[in-house]
Amino acid sequence: MLIQRVMRLVDEIELTPSGSVLDRIHRAEKRGWVNRADVLVRIRELRNLIAHEYAADKMAEIYEAVFMLSPELDKIAKQAADYSESLIKRVQVP
């Protein structure tokens, strides 16, 4: 949801061409949502792994990765929310 919906909407509001998922991830780094873009790349890869049924044999690894990346995702979501709130204030018509 964050990459597919929120980042696309922010790009649209800021009149930025959408580009690829990797482009959006790098813009998230530039916006200060994440310190290093590779963290969001790892989160995205984990999401893709979870979405595929053939990953059932890797459940222990998946649970560990989710446990390790969840705090980082929480921070990113908070940064995205803060940025979005400031963006709304900037574009609001008085």
C-alpha atoms as a PDB file:
ATOM      1  CA  MET A   1       0.000   0.000   0.000  1.00  0.00           C
ATOM      2  CA  LEU A   2       2.754   2.433   0.889  1.00  0.00           C
ATOM      3  CA  ILE A   3       4.685   2.049  -2.345  1.00  0.00           C
ATOM      4  CA  GLN A   4       1.775   1.427  -4.675  1.00  0.00           C
ATOM      5  CA  ARG A   5      -0.765   3.907  -3.314  1.00  0.00           C
ATOM      6  CA  VAL A   6       0.786   6.504  -1.016  1.00  0.00           C
ATOM      7  CA  MET A   7       3.957   7.104  -3.000  1.00  0.00           C
ATOM      8  CA  ARG A   8       2.024   7.312  -6.273  1.00  0.00           C
ATOM      9  CA  LEU A   9      -0.433   9.801  -4.777  1.00  0.00           C
ATOM     10  CA  VAL A  10       2.361  11.987  -3.408  1.00  0.00           C
ATOM     11  CA  ASP A  11       4.034  11.906  -6.832  1.00  0.00           C
ATOM     12  CA  GLU A  12       0.761  12.921  -8.440  1.00  0.00           C
ATOM     13  CA  ILE A  13       0.210  15.797  -6.004  1.00  0.00           C
ATOM     14  CA  GLU A  14       3.789  17.002  -6.494  1.00  0.00           C
ATOM     15  CA  LEU A  15       3.407  16.643 -10.292  1.00  0.00           C
ATOM     16  CA  THR A  16       6.271  14.143 -10.428  1.00  0.00           C
ATOM     17  CA  PRO A  17       6.253  11.490 -13.167  1.00  0.00           C
ATOM     18  CA  SER A  18       5.477   8.175 -11.491  1.00  0.00           C
ATOM     19  CA  GLY A  19       8.240   6.033 -12.983  1.00  0.00           C
ATOM     20  CA  SER A  20       9.071   2.562 -11.759  1.00  0.00           C
ATOM     21  CA  VAL A  21       8.744   1.152  -8.245  1.00  0.00           C
ATOM     22  CA  LEU A  22      12.477   1.670  -7.837  1.00  0.00           C
ATOM     23  CA  ASP A  23      12.095   5.311  -8.871  1.00  0.00           C
ATOM     24  CA  ARG A  24       9.415   5.791  -6.193  1.00  0.00           C
ATOM     25  CA  ILE A  25      11.625   4.099  -3.605  1.00  0.00           C
ATOM     26  CA  HIS A  26      14.536   6.420  -4.412  1.00  0.00           C
ATOM     27  CA  ARG A  27      12.232   9.443  -4.162  1.00  0.00           C
ATOM     28  CA  ALA A  28      11.121   8.188  -0.733  1.00  0.00           C
ATOM     29  CA  GLU A  29      14.761   8.339   0.323  1.00  0.00           C
ATOM     30  CA  LYS A  30      15.078  11.889  -1.058  1.00  0.00           C
ATOM     31  CA  ARG A  31      11.908  12.885   0.813  1.00  0.00           C
ATOM     32  CA  GLY A  32      13.436  11.636   4.051  1.00  0.00           C
ATOM     33  CA  TRP A  33      11.031   8.743   4.554  1.00  0.00           C
ATOM     34  CA  VAL A  34      13.877   6.247   4.768  1.00  0.00           C
ATOM     35  CA  ASN A  35      17.605   6.649   5.404  1.00  0.00           C
ATOM     36  CA  ARG A  36      18.605   4.122   2.734  1.00  0.00           C
ATOM     37  CA  ALA A  37      16.513   3.078  -0.264  1.00  0.00           C
ATOM     38  CA  ASP A  38      17.762  -0.508  -0.026  1.00  0.00           C
ATOM     39  CA  VAL A  39      15.693  -0.977   3.148  1.00  0.00           C
ATOM     40  CA  LEU A  40      12.495  -0.310   1.185  1.00  0.00           C
ATOM     41  CA  VAL A  41      13.755  -2.588  -1.570  1.00  0.00           C
ATOM     42  CA  ARG A  42      14.200  -5.408   0.982  1.00  0.00           C
ATOM     43  CA  ILE A  43      10.717  -4.750   2.386  1.00  0.00           C
ATOM     44  CA  ARG A  44       9.265  -4.850  -1.127  1.00  0.00           C
ATOM     45  CA  GLU A  45      11.087  -8.110  -1.908  1.00  0.00           C
ATOM     46  CA  LEU A  46       9.783  -9.620   1.330  1.00  0.00           C
ATOM     47  CA  ARG A  47       6.256  -8.558   0.436  1.00  0.00           C
ATOM     48  CA  ASN A  48       6.625 -10.253  -2.947  1.00  0.00           C
ATOM     49  CA  LEU A  49       7.915 -13.421  -1.294  1.00  0.00           C
ATOM     50  CA  ILE A  50       4.981 -13.484   1.122  1.00  0.00           C
ATOM     51  CA  ALA A  51       2.508 -13.009  -1.734  1.00  0.00           C
ATOM     52  CA  HIS A  52       3.603 -16.215  -3.471  1.00  0.00           C
ATOM     53  CA  GLU A  53       2.286 -19.526  -2.236  1.00  0.00           C
ATOM     54  CA  TYR A  54       5.487 -21.412  -3.087  1.00  0.00           C
ATOM     55  CA  ALA A  55       7.205 -19.645  -0.211  1.00  0.00           C
ATOM     56  CA  ALA A  56       5.461 -21.895   2.335  1.00  0.00           C
ATOM     57  CA  ASP A  57       8.662 -23.877   2.813  1.00  0.00           C
ATOM     58  CA  LYS A  58      10.447 -20.677   3.867  1.00  0.00           C
ATOM     59  CA  MET A  59       8.000 -19.604   6.570  1.00  0.00           C
ATOM     60  CA  ALA A  60      10.546 -19.546   9.409  1.00  0.00           C
ATOM     61  CA  GLU A  61      12.823 -17.255   7.376  1.00  0.00           C
ATOM     62  CA  ILE A  62       9.861 -15.091   6.368  1.00  0.00           C
ATOM     63  CA  TYR A  63       8.683 -14.679   9.964  1.00  0.00           C
ATOM     64  CA  GLU A  64      12.188 -13.714  11.054  1.00  0.00           C
ATOM     65  CA  ALA A  65      12.529 -11.186   8.232  1.00  0.00           C
ATOM     66  CA  VAL A  66       9.116  -9.675   9.032  1.00  0.00           C
ATOM     67  CA  PHE A  67      10.120  -9.417  12.687  1.00  0.00           C
ATOM     68  CA  MET A  68      13.375  -7.691  11.771  1.00  0.00           C
ATOM     69  CA  LEU A  69      11.912  -5.269   9.195  1.00  0.00           C
ATOM     70  CA  SER A  70       8.660  -4.342  10.970  1.00  0.00           C
ATOM     71  CA  PRO A  71      10.191  -1.604  13.155  1.00  0.00           C
ATOM     72  CA  GLU A  72      11.807  -0.059  10.069  1.00  0.00           C
ATOM     73  CA  LEU A  73       8.508  -0.172   8.172  1.00  0.00           C
ATOM     74  CA  ASP A  74       6.778   1.504  11.120  1.00  0.00           C
ATOM     75  CA  LYS A  75       9.344   4.335  10.996  1.00  0.00           C
ATOM     76  CA  ILE A  76       8.931   4.703   7.235  1.00  0.00           C
ATOM     77  CA  ALA A  77       5.138   4.822   7.545  1.00  0.00           C
ATOM     78  CA  LYS A  78       5.434   7.524  10.236  1.00  0.00           C
ATOM     79  CA  GLN A  79       7.800   9.575   8.063  1.00  0.00           C
ATOM     80  CA  ALA A  80       5.452   9.178   5.081  1.00  0.00           C
ATOM     81  CA  ALA A  81       2.484  10.295   7.204  1.00  0.00           C
ATOM     82  CA  ASP A  82       4.376  13.333   8.495  1.00  0.00           C
ATOM     83  CA  TYR A  83       5.481  14.255   4.981  1.00  0.00           C
ATOM     84  CA  SER A  84       1.941  13.801   3.674  1.00  0.00           C
ATOM     85  CA  GLU A  85       0.515  16.051   6.379  1.00  0.00           C
ATOM     86  CA  SER A  86       3.000  18.786   5.514  1.00  0.00           C
ATOM     87  CA  LEU A  87       2.235  18.312   1.813  1.00  0.00           C
ATOM     88  CA  ILE A  88      -1.488  18.752   2.456  1.00  0.00           C
ATOM     89  CA  LYS A  89      -0.766  21.996   4.303  1.00  0.00           C
ATOM     90  CA  ARG A  90       1.399  23.231   1.410  1.00  0.00           C
ATOM     91  CA  VAL A  91      -1.184  22.538  -1.299  1.00  0.00           C
ATOM     92  CA  GLN A  92      -4.331  23.585   0.558  1.00  0.00           C
ATOM     93  CA  VAL A  93      -6.068  26.571  -0.955  1.00  0.00           C
ATOM     94  CA  PRO A  94      -6.962  29.149   1.740  1.00  0.00           C
END
